[in-house]
Amino acid sequence: MSHWTEDDFNNWLYGLKTDDSHLAACAGCRAESERLTAIRRQVTAEPEVASDFLAAQRRAIYERLGHPRPHRAAVRWAVSLATVILLFGLSVAYLRPNRPPQPIYTHADEQLFSDLTQIEQTSEPRAIQPMHNLFEE
């Protein structure tokens, strides 16, 4: 005779295994089933709460419902106002017309562009010019 496995006990506890003839024959499995049943009863039992505690809790809830805290309302208004301002600022920034930036050139920039154009039009790199001096006749 083989003993029940953990899965067998779980199925039995949850009503998925109805054949409990093994529990009647096996003292070890019966003891384990009684231990698990006691634990299940203890875990699922409703806690005992005094009626005075519940009444005091109910009175505190009714009192809070009758007198809302003023600072919470102010915080809600402040958060709402900040959100509206943020959304307005984002919409203004998003909807303004995009103008391309105007380039600002100086005399040094014009000289740089001129030098770059000259370099681009030269067929030989500047580094080769000293080598020509070596081979001139």
N, C-alpha and C. Protein backbone atom coordinates (compact mmCIF):
# COMPACT_ATOMS: atom_id res chain seq x y z
N MET A 1 0.85 -1.16 0.00
CA MET A 1 0.00 0.00 0.00
C MET A 1 0.91 1.23 0.00
N SER A 2 0.66 2.16 -0.94
CA SER A 2 1.46 3.37 -1.03
C SER A 2 0.72 4.52 -0.36
N HIS A 3 1.50 5.40 0.23
CA HIS A 3 0.92 6.56 0.92
C HIS A 3 0.55 7.65 -0.08
N TRP A 4 -0.34 8.52 0.36
CA TRP A 4 -0.77 9.62 -0.47
C TRP A 4 0.38 10.61 -0.65
N THR A 5 0.42 11.23 -1.82
CA THR A 5 1.41 12.27 -2.08
C THR A 5 0.82 13.63 -1.69
N GLU A 6 1.63 14.64 -1.79
CA GLU A 6 1.16 15.99 -1.47
C GLU A 6 0.02 16.40 -2.41
N ASP A 7 0.14 16.02 -3.67
CA ASP A 7 -0.94 16.32 -4.62
C ASP A 7 -2.23 15.62 -4.24
N ASP A 8 -2.12 14.38 -3.76
CA ASP A 8 -3.32 13.66 -3.33
C ASP A 8 -4.00 14.39 -2.17
N PHE A 9 -3.20 14.84 -1.20
CA PHE A 9 -3.77 15.57 -0.06
C PHE A 9 -4.41 16.88 -0.50
N ASN A 10 -3.74 17.62 -1.42
CA ASN A 10 -4.31 18.88 -1.91
C ASN A 10 -5.63 18.63 -2.63
N ASN A 11 -5.67 17.62 -3.48
CA ASN A 11 -6.90 17.30 -4.19
C ASN A 11 -8.00 16.91 -3.22
N TRP A 12 -7.66 16.16 -2.17
CA TRP A 12 -8.65 15.75 -1.18
C TRP A 12 -9.18 16.95 -0.39
N LEU A 13 -8.27 17.88 -0.03
CA LEU A 13 -8.69 19.07 0.74
C LEU A 13 -9.64 19.95 -0.08
N TYR A 14 -9.42 20.04 -1.38
CA TYR A 14 -10.24 20.89 -2.22
C TYR A 14 -11.41 20.15 -2.87
N GLY A 15 -11.65 18.92 -2.47
CA GLY A 15 -12.80 18.17 -2.94
C GLY A 15 -12.64 17.58 -4.33
N LEU A 16 -11.41 17.50 -4.82
CA LEU A 16 -11.19 16.94 -6.15
C LEU A 16 -10.92 15.44 -6.11
N LYS A 17 -10.67 14.91 -4.92
CA LYS A 17 -10.43 13.47 -4.76
C LYS A 17 -11.46 12.97 -3.75
N THR A 18 -12.34 12.11 -4.20
CA THR A 18 -13.44 11.66 -3.34
C THR A 18 -13.16 10.29 -2.74
N ASP A 19 -12.24 9.55 -3.29
CA ASP A 19 -11.94 8.21 -2.77
C ASP A 19 -11.02 8.35 -1.55
N ASP A 20 -11.63 8.25 -0.34
CA ASP A 20 -10.82 8.36 0.87
C ASP A 20 -10.77 7.03 1.63
N SER A 21 -10.89 5.93 0.92
CA SER A 21 -10.80 4.61 1.56
C SER A 21 -9.38 4.38 2.08
N HIS A 22 -8.38 4.98 1.46
CA HIS A 22 -7.00 4.83 1.93
C HIS A 22 -6.83 5.47 3.31
N LEU A 23 -7.55 6.56 3.56
CA LEU A 23 -7.44 7.23 4.87
C LEU A 23 -7.99 6.33 5.98
N ALA A 24 -9.01 5.54 5.67
CA ALA A 24 -9.56 4.64 6.68
C ALA A 24 -8.59 3.51 7.00
N ALA A 25 -7.77 3.11 6.03
CA ALA A 25 -6.87 1.98 6.23
C ALA A 25 -5.50 2.40 6.73
N CYS A 26 -5.04 3.61 6.42
CA CYS A 26 -3.66 4.04 6.73
C CYS A 26 -3.69 5.08 7.84
N ALA A 27 -3.09 4.74 8.98
CA ALA A 27 -3.08 5.65 10.13
C ALA A 27 -2.19 6.87 9.86
N GLY A 28 -1.09 6.71 9.15
CA GLY A 28 -0.19 7.83 8.86
C GLY A 28 -0.84 8.88 7.98
N CYS A 29 -1.50 8.44 6.92
CA CYS A 29 -2.17 9.37 6.02
C CYS A 29 -3.37 10.02 6.71
N ARG A 30 -4.06 9.25 7.58
CA ARG A 30 -5.19 9.81 8.31
C ARG A 30 -4.72 10.92 9.24
N ALA A 31 -3.60 10.70 9.93
CA ALA A 31 -3.06 11.72 10.83
C ALA A 31 -2.67 12.98 10.04
N GLU A 32 -2.06 12.79 8.87
CA GLU A 32 -1.68 13.94 8.03
C GLU A 32 -2.92 14.68 7.54
N SER A 33 -3.97 13.96 7.18
CA SER A 33 -5.19 14.62 6.71
C SER A 33 -5.85 15.40 7.84
N GLU A 34 -5.81 14.85 9.06
CA GLU A 34 -6.39 15.58 10.20
C GLU A 34 -5.58 16.84 10.49
N ARG A 35 -4.24 16.76 10.37
CA ARG A 35 -3.39 17.93 10.60
C ARG A 35 -3.68 19.00 9.56
N LEU A 36 -3.78 18.61 8.29
CA LEU A 36 -4.06 19.57 7.23
C LEU A 36 -5.45 20.18 7.36
N THR A 37 -6.43 19.37 7.78
CA THR A 37 -7.79 19.87 7.98
C THR A 37 -7.82 20.91 9.11
N ALA A 38 -7.07 20.64 10.19
CA ALA A 38 -7.02 21.59 11.30
C ALA A 38 -6.36 22.90 10.86
N ILE A 39 -5.31 22.81 10.08
CA ILE A 39 -4.64 24.02 9.58
C ILE A 39 -5.58 24.81 8.67
N ARG A 40 -6.31 24.09 7.83
CA ARG A 40 -7.23 24.76 6.91
C ARG A 40 -8.34 25.47 7.69
N ARG A 41 -8.87 24.82 8.72
CA ARG A 41 -9.90 25.45 9.55
C ARG A 41 -9.37 26.70 10.23
N GLN A 42 -8.13 26.63 10.72
CA GLN A 42 -7.52 27.76 11.41
C GLN A 42 -7.27 28.93 10.45
N VAL A 43 -6.84 28.63 9.24
CA VAL A 43 -6.53 29.69 8.28
C VAL A 43 -7.81 30.34 7.75
N THR A 44 -8.85 29.56 7.53
CA THR A 44 -10.07 30.11 6.94
C THR A 44 -11.06 30.64 7.97
N ALA A 45 -10.75 30.52 9.25
CA ALA A 45 -11.67 31.00 10.28
C ALA A 45 -11.73 32.53 10.24
N GLU A 46 -12.91 33.08 10.45
CA GLU A 46 -13.07 34.52 10.48
C GLU A 46 -12.51 35.06 11.79
N PRO A 47 -11.80 36.17 11.74
CA PRO A 47 -11.23 36.72 12.97
C PRO A 47 -12.34 37.30 13.85
N GLU A 48 -12.12 37.23 15.13
CA GLU A 48 -13.10 37.78 16.07
C GLU A 48 -12.79 39.25 16.27
N VAL A 49 -13.78 40.09 15.95
CA VAL A 49 -13.63 41.53 16.10
C VAL A 49 -14.73 42.01 17.03
N ALA A 50 -14.33 42.79 18.02
CA ALA A 50 -15.30 43.28 19.00
C ALA A 50 -16.27 44.25 18.34
N SER A 51 -17.52 44.19 18.76
CA SER A 51 -18.54 45.08 18.16
C SER A 51 -18.27 46.54 18.55
N ASP A 52 -17.64 46.78 19.70
CA ASP A 52 -17.30 48.16 20.08
C ASP A 52 -16.28 48.75 19.10
N PHE A 53 -15.31 47.95 18.68
CA PHE A 53 -14.31 48.41 17.71
C PHE A 53 -14.97 48.77 16.39
N LEU A 54 -15.88 47.90 15.92
CA LEU A 54 -16.56 48.16 14.66
C LEU A 54 -17.44 49.40 14.74
N ALA A 55 -18.11 49.60 15.89
CA ALA A 55 -18.97 50.78 16.06
C ALA A 55 -18.12 52.05 16.05
N ALA A 56 -16.97 52.03 16.74
CA ALA A 56 -16.10 53.19 16.77
C ALA A 56 -15.56 53.49 15.37
N GLN A 57 -15.23 52.46 14.64
CA GLN A 57 -14.74 52.64 13.27
C GLN A 57 -15.82 53.25 12.39
N ARG A 58 -17.04 52.80 12.53
CA ARG A 58 -18.15 53.31 11.75
C ARG A 58 -18.41 54.78 12.08
N ARG A 59 -18.36 55.15 13.38
CA ARG A 59 -18.56 56.54 13.77
C ARG A 59 -17.46 57.44 13.19
N ALA A 60 -16.22 56.96 13.19
CA ALA A 60 -15.12 57.75 12.64
C ALA A 60 -15.30 57.97 11.13
N ILE A 61 -15.80 56.97 10.44
CA ILE A 61 -16.04 57.11 9.00
C ILE A 61 -17.14 58.13 8.75
N TYR A 62 -18.23 58.05 9.50
CA TYR A 62 -19.32 59.01 9.31
C TYR A 62 -18.87 60.43 9.63
N GLU A 63 -18.04 60.57 10.63
CA GLU A 63 -17.56 61.91 11.00
C GLU A 63 -16.67 62.49 9.89
N ARG A 64 -15.81 61.65 9.32
CA ARG A 64 -14.96 62.12 8.22
C ARG A 64 -15.77 62.46 6.98
N LEU A 65 -16.84 61.73 6.74
CA LEU A 65 -17.69 62.03 5.59
C LEU A 65 -18.40 63.37 5.77
N GLY A 66 -18.75 63.70 6.99
CA GLY A 66 -19.46 64.94 7.27
C GLY A 66 -18.55 66.16 7.26
N HIS A 67 -17.29 65.99 7.56
CA HIS A 67 -16.35 67.11 7.65
C HIS A 67 -15.13 66.83 6.78
N PRO A 68 -15.20 67.17 5.51
CA PRO A 68 -14.02 66.93 4.66
C PRO A 68 -12.87 67.83 5.08
N ARG A 69 -11.69 67.35 4.91
CA ARG A 69 -10.51 68.12 5.28
C ARG A 69 -10.28 69.22 4.23
N PRO A 70 -10.12 70.46 4.69
CA PRO A 70 -9.99 71.56 3.73
C PRO A 70 -8.66 71.54 2.96
N HIS A 71 -7.59 71.07 3.58
CA HIS A 71 -6.30 71.12 2.89
C HIS A 71 -6.25 70.15 1.72
N ARG A 72 -7.02 69.08 1.77
CA ARG A 72 -7.03 68.16 0.63
C ARG A 72 -7.71 68.80 -0.57
N ALA A 73 -8.74 69.58 -0.33
CA ALA A 73 -9.41 70.27 -1.42
C ALA A 73 -8.47 71.29 -2.06
N ALA A 74 -7.70 71.99 -1.23
CA ALA A 74 -6.75 72.98 -1.75
C ALA A 74 -5.66 72.29 -2.57
N VAL A 75 -5.21 71.14 -2.11
CA VAL A 75 -4.18 70.41 -2.85
C VAL A 75 -4.74 69.95 -4.19
N ARG A 76 -5.96 69.48 -4.21
CA ARG A 76 -6.58 69.05 -5.46
C ARG A 76 -6.68 70.21 -6.45
N TRP A 77 -7.09 71.40 -5.94
CA TRP A 77 -7.20 72.56 -6.82
C TRP A 77 -5.82 72.98 -7.33
N ALA A 78 -4.82 72.92 -6.47
CA ALA A 78 -3.47 73.32 -6.89
C ALA A 78 -2.93 72.37 -7.96
N VAL A 79 -3.13 71.08 -7.78
CA VAL A 79 -2.66 70.11 -8.76
C VAL A 79 -3.42 70.29 -10.07
N SER A 80 -4.72 70.53 -10.00
CA SER A 80 -5.51 70.73 -11.21
C SER A 80 -5.06 71.99 -11.95
N LEU A 81 -4.82 73.07 -11.20
CA LEU A 81 -4.38 74.32 -11.81
C LEU A 81 -3.00 74.16 -12.45
N ALA A 82 -2.09 73.47 -11.77
CA ALA A 82 -0.76 73.24 -12.34
C ALA A 82 -0.85 72.41 -13.61
N THR A 83 -1.73 71.44 -13.65
CA THR A 83 -1.91 70.61 -14.85
C THR A 83 -2.44 71.44 -16.00
N VAL A 84 -3.41 72.31 -15.73
CA VAL A 84 -3.98 73.16 -16.78
C VAL A 84 -2.91 74.11 -17.32
N ILE A 85 -2.11 74.70 -16.43
CA ILE A 85 -1.05 75.61 -16.88
C ILE A 85 -0.03 74.87 -17.71
N LEU A 86 0.36 73.69 -17.29
CA LEU A 86 1.32 72.90 -18.04
C LEU A 86 0.78 72.55 -19.43
N LEU A 87 -0.47 72.11 -19.50
CA LEU A 87 -1.07 71.76 -20.79
C LEU A 87 -1.18 72.99 -21.69
N PHE A 88 -1.52 74.13 -21.12
CA PHE A 88 -1.61 75.35 -21.91
C PHE A 88 -0.23 75.74 -22.45
N GLY A 89 0.79 75.66 -21.61
CA GLY A 89 2.15 75.99 -22.05
C GLY A 89 2.62 75.05 -23.15
N LEU A 90 2.34 73.77 -23.00
CA LEU A 90 2.73 72.81 -24.04
C LEU A 90 1.99 73.06 -25.35
N SER A 91 0.71 73.40 -25.27
CA SER A 91 -0.04 73.64 -26.50
C SER A 91 0.45 74.91 -27.18
N VAL A 92 0.80 75.94 -26.42
CA VAL A 92 1.32 77.17 -27.03
C VAL A 92 2.66 76.88 -27.70
N ALA A 93 3.52 76.12 -27.01
CA ALA A 93 4.83 75.80 -27.58
C ALA A 93 4.68 74.92 -28.81
N TYR A 94 3.73 74.05 -28.83
CA TYR A 94 3.54 73.14 -29.95
C TYR A 94 2.90 73.83 -31.14
N LEU A 95 1.99 74.75 -30.90
CA LEU A 95 1.22 75.35 -31.98
C LEU A 95 1.86 76.60 -32.58
N ARG A 96 2.91 77.13 -31.99
CA ARG A 96 3.51 78.34 -32.56
C ARG A 96 4.19 77.97 -33.88
N PRO A 97 4.20 78.91 -34.84
CA PRO A 97 4.77 78.59 -36.15
C PRO A 97 6.28 78.36 -36.05
N ASN A 98 6.73 77.40 -36.81
CA ASN A 98 8.16 77.09 -36.83
C ASN A 98 8.82 77.92 -37.92
N ARG A 99 9.68 78.82 -37.52
CA ARG A 99 10.45 79.60 -38.47
C ARG A 99 11.85 79.02 -38.50
N PRO A 100 12.41 78.86 -39.70
CA PRO A 100 13.77 78.34 -39.75
C PRO A 100 14.74 79.34 -39.13
N PRO A 101 15.75 78.85 -38.47
CA PRO A 101 16.69 79.78 -37.85
C PRO A 101 17.45 80.57 -38.91
N GLN A 102 17.66 81.84 -38.64
CA GLN A 102 18.38 82.70 -39.56
C GLN A 102 19.88 82.52 -39.34
N PRO A 103 20.62 82.17 -40.39
CA PRO A 103 22.06 81.99 -40.21
C PRO A 103 22.74 83.33 -39.97
N ILE A 104 23.69 83.33 -39.09
CA ILE A 104 24.46 84.52 -38.77
C ILE A 104 25.89 84.25 -39.21
N TYR A 105 26.30 84.93 -40.28
CA TYR A 105 27.65 84.75 -40.80
C TYR A 105 28.51 85.94 -40.41
N THR A 106 29.74 85.65 -40.08
CA THR A 106 30.71 86.70 -39.81
C THR A 106 31.77 86.68 -40.91
N HIS A 107 32.68 87.63 -40.85
CA HIS A 107 33.75 87.68 -41.84
C HIS A 107 34.61 86.43 -41.77
N ALA A 108 34.84 85.91 -40.56
CA ALA A 108 35.65 84.69 -40.40
C ALA A 108 34.96 83.50 -41.04
N ASP A 109 33.65 83.45 -40.96
CA ASP A 109 32.90 82.35 -41.59
C ASP A 109 33.01 82.44 -43.11
N GLU A 110 32.93 83.65 -43.64
CA GLU A 110 33.05 83.80 -45.09
C GLU A 110 34.43 83.35 -45.56
N GLN A 111 35.47 83.69 -44.78
CA GLN A 111 36.82 83.27 -45.14
C GLN A 111 36.93 81.75 -45.09
N LEU A 112 36.33 81.12 -44.07
CA LEU A 112 36.35 79.67 -43.95
C LEU A 112 35.66 79.02 -45.15
N PHE A 113 34.50 79.55 -45.55
CA PHE A 113 33.79 78.99 -46.69
C PHE A 113 34.59 79.16 -47.98
N SER A 114 35.26 80.27 -48.09
CA SER A 114 36.09 80.51 -49.27
C SER A 114 37.24 79.50 -49.32
N ASP A 115 37.91 79.29 -48.18
CA ASP A 115 39.00 78.31 -48.12
C ASP A 115 38.52 76.90 -48.44
N LEU A 116 37.37 76.54 -47.90
CA LEU A 116 36.83 75.20 -48.16
C LEU A 116 36.49 75.01 -49.63
N THR A 117 35.94 76.04 -50.26
CA THR A 117 35.62 75.96 -51.68
C THR A 117 36.89 75.80 -52.50
N GLN A 118 37.94 76.54 -52.14
CA GLN A 118 39.21 76.43 -52.86
C GLN A 118 39.81 75.04 -52.71
N ILE A 119 39.76 74.48 -51.49
CA ILE A 119 40.30 73.13 -51.26
C ILE A 119 39.51 72.10 -52.06
N GLU A 120 38.24 72.28 -52.13
CA GLU A 120 37.40 71.33 -52.85
C GLU A 120 37.68 71.35 -54.35
N GLN A 121 38.02 72.51 -54.90
CA GLN A 121 38.26 72.63 -56.33
C GLN A 121 39.66 72.21 -56.73
N THR A 122 40.60 72.08 -55.79
CA THR A 122 41.96 71.65 -56.10
C THR A 122 41.97 70.16 -56.28
N SER A 123 42.67 69.70 -57.32
CA SER A 123 42.69 68.27 -57.61
C SER A 123 43.69 67.52 -56.74
N GLU A 124 44.76 68.19 -56.28
CA GLU A 124 45.76 67.54 -55.46
C GLU A 124 45.62 67.99 -54.01
N PRO A 125 45.88 67.10 -53.08
CA PRO A 125 45.87 67.50 -51.68
C PRO A 125 47.05 68.42 -51.37
N ARG A 126 46.92 69.23 -50.37
CA ARG A 126 47.94 70.18 -49.98
C ARG A 126 49.21 69.48 -49.50
N ALA A 127 49.10 68.28 -48.95
CA ALA A 127 50.26 67.56 -48.42
C ALA A 127 51.22 67.12 -49.51
N ILE A 128 50.80 67.08 -50.75
CA ILE A 128 51.66 66.63 -51.84
C ILE A 128 52.51 67.78 -52.38
N GLN A 129 52.16 69.01 -52.16
CA GLN A 129 52.91 70.15 -52.69
C GLN A 129 54.38 70.15 -52.28
N PRO A 130 54.80 69.85 -51.04
CA PRO A 130 56.23 69.81 -50.72
C PRO A 130 56.97 68.72 -51.50
N MET A 131 56.29 67.67 -51.88
CA MET A 131 56.95 66.61 -52.65
C MET A 131 57.26 67.08 -54.07
N HIS A 132 56.46 67.96 -54.63
CA HIS A 132 56.74 68.51 -55.95
C HIS A 132 58.05 69.31 -55.94
N ASN A 133 58.33 69.99 -54.84
CA ASN A 133 59.57 70.76 -54.73
C ASN A 133 60.80 69.86 -54.78
N LEU A 134 60.69 68.61 -54.33
CA LEU A 134 61.80 67.69 -54.33
C LEU A 134 62.16 67.26 -55.76
N PHE A 135 61.17 67.21 -56.61
CA PHE A 135 61.40 66.67 -57.96
C PHE A 135 61.43 67.74 -59.05
N GLU A 136 61.45 68.99 -58.73
CA GLU A 136 61.48 70.03 -59.75
C GLU A 136 62.85 70.12 -60.38
N GLU A 137 62.93 70.43 -61.68
CA GLU A 137 64.20 70.53 -62.40
C GLU A 137 64.59 71.94 -62.63
